[in-house]
């Protein structure tokens, strides 16, 4: 996490690492996420729903 903190966008990079590691999201799934997929009324959603096209490898 120290390497991530030293980059140009530390908050974004930390969020990407957390989503990838703790939720098991792949790069394609992470790249397809929009702010509205993760946040609702300025708080993190309890459930993230991925669009079928994103996680079926198409």
C-alpha atoms as a PDB file:
ATOM      1  CA  UNK A   1       0.000   0.000   0.000  1.00  0.00           C
ATOM      2  CA  UNK A   2       2.984   2.341   0.415  1.00  0.00           C
ATOM      3  CA  UNK A   3       3.663   2.171  -3.320  1.00  0.00           C
ATOM      4  CA  UNK A   4       0.043   3.058  -4.075  1.00  0.00           C
ATOM      5  CA  UNK A   5       0.105   5.999  -1.664  1.00  0.00           C
ATOM      6  CA  UNK A   6       3.007   7.579  -3.549  1.00  0.00           C
ATOM      7  CA  UNK A   7       1.314   7.719  -6.953  1.00  0.00           C
ATOM      8  CA  UNK A   8      -0.583  10.505  -8.696  1.00  0.00           C
ATOM      9  CA  UNK A   9      -4.040   9.212  -7.683  1.00  0.00           C
ATOM     10  CA  UNK A  10      -3.598   7.434  -4.336  1.00  0.00           C
ATOM     11  CA  UNK A  11      -7.301   7.320  -3.384  1.00  0.00           C
ATOM     12  CA  UNK A  12      -8.326   5.847  -6.736  1.00  0.00           C
ATOM     13  CA  UNK A  13      -5.477   3.337  -6.711  1.00  0.00           C
ATOM     14  CA  UNK A  14      -6.295   2.191  -3.184  1.00  0.00           C
ATOM     15  CA  UNK A  15      -9.950   1.691  -4.151  1.00  0.00           C
ATOM     16  CA  UNK A  16      -8.897  -0.391  -7.171  1.00  0.00           C
ATOM     17  CA  UNK A  17      -6.656  -2.637  -5.068  1.00  0.00           C
ATOM     18  CA  UNK A  18      -9.350  -3.104  -2.410  1.00  0.00           C
ATOM     19  CA  UNK A  19     -12.057  -3.927  -4.966  1.00  0.00           C
ATOM     20  CA  UNK A  20      -9.766  -6.317  -6.773  1.00  0.00           C
ATOM     21  CA  UNK A  21      -8.473  -8.154  -3.707  1.00  0.00           C
ATOM     22  CA  UNK A  22     -11.457  -8.204  -1.373  1.00  0.00           C
ATOM     23  CA  UNK A  23     -14.222  -8.593  -3.958  1.00  0.00           C
ATOM     24  CA  UNK A  24     -12.285 -10.620  -6.505  1.00  0.00           C
ATOM     25  CA  UNK A  25     -12.994  -8.270  -9.397  1.00  0.00           C
ATOM     26  CA  UNK A  26     -10.940  -8.642 -12.580  1.00  0.00           C
ATOM     27  CA  UNK A  27      -9.342  -5.762 -14.479  1.00  0.00           C
ATOM     28  CA  UNK A  28     -12.139  -5.726 -17.077  1.00  0.00           C
ATOM     29  CA  UNK A  29     -14.783  -5.590 -14.337  1.00  0.00           C
ATOM     30  CA  UNK A  30     -12.941  -2.803 -12.507  1.00  0.00           C
ATOM     31  CA  UNK A  31     -12.542  -0.788 -15.712  1.00  0.00           C
ATOM     32  CA  UNK A  32     -16.273  -1.018 -16.430  1.00  0.00           C
ATOM     33  CA  UNK A  33     -17.344   0.306 -13.008  1.00  0.00           C
ATOM     34  CA  UNK A  34     -18.961   3.722 -12.802  1.00  0.00           C
ATOM     35  CA  UNK A  35     -19.229   5.890  -9.681  1.00  0.00           C
ATOM     36  CA  UNK A  36     -22.940   5.094  -9.490  1.00  0.00           C
ATOM     37  CA  UNK A  37     -22.147   1.374  -9.408  1.00  0.00           C
ATOM     38  CA  UNK A  38     -20.260   1.835  -6.133  1.00  0.00           C
ATOM     39  CA  UNK A  39     -21.729   4.917  -4.425  1.00  0.00           C
ATOM     40  CA  UNK A  40     -25.304   5.717  -3.463  1.00  0.00           C
ATOM     41  CA  UNK A  41     -26.218   8.917  -1.604  1.00  0.00           C
ATOM     42  CA  UNK A  42     -22.516   9.551  -0.808  1.00  0.00           C
ATOM     43  CA  UNK A  43     -21.988   6.147   0.803  1.00  0.00           C
ATOM     44  CA  UNK A  44     -20.663   2.835  -0.484  1.00  0.00           C
ATOM     45  CA  UNK A  45     -23.323   0.386  -1.635  1.00  0.00           C
ATOM     46  CA  UNK A  46     -23.589  -2.864   0.277  1.00  0.00           C
ATOM     47  CA  UNK A  47     -24.176  -4.815  -2.957  1.00  0.00           C
ATOM     48  CA  UNK A  48     -22.412  -4.261  -6.275  1.00  0.00           C
ATOM     49  CA  UNK A  49     -24.169  -5.603  -9.351  1.00  0.00           C
ATOM     50  CA  UNK A  50     -22.124  -6.264 -12.465  1.00  0.00           C
ATOM     51  CA  UNK A  51     -23.618  -6.109 -15.938  1.00  0.00           C
ATOM     52  CA  UNK A  52     -23.626  -9.557 -17.598  1.00  0.00           C
ATOM     53  CA  UNK A  53     -21.589  -8.398 -20.602  1.00  0.00           C
ATOM     54  CA  UNK A  54     -18.762  -7.261 -18.316  1.00  0.00           C
ATOM     55  CA  UNK A  55     -18.212 -10.493 -16.422  1.00  0.00           C
ATOM     56  CA  UNK A  56     -18.965 -13.061 -19.132  1.00  0.00           C
ATOM     57  CA  UNK A  57     -15.831 -12.309 -21.127  1.00  0.00           C
ATOM     58  CA  UNK A  58     -17.556 -10.824 -24.174  1.00  0.00           C
END
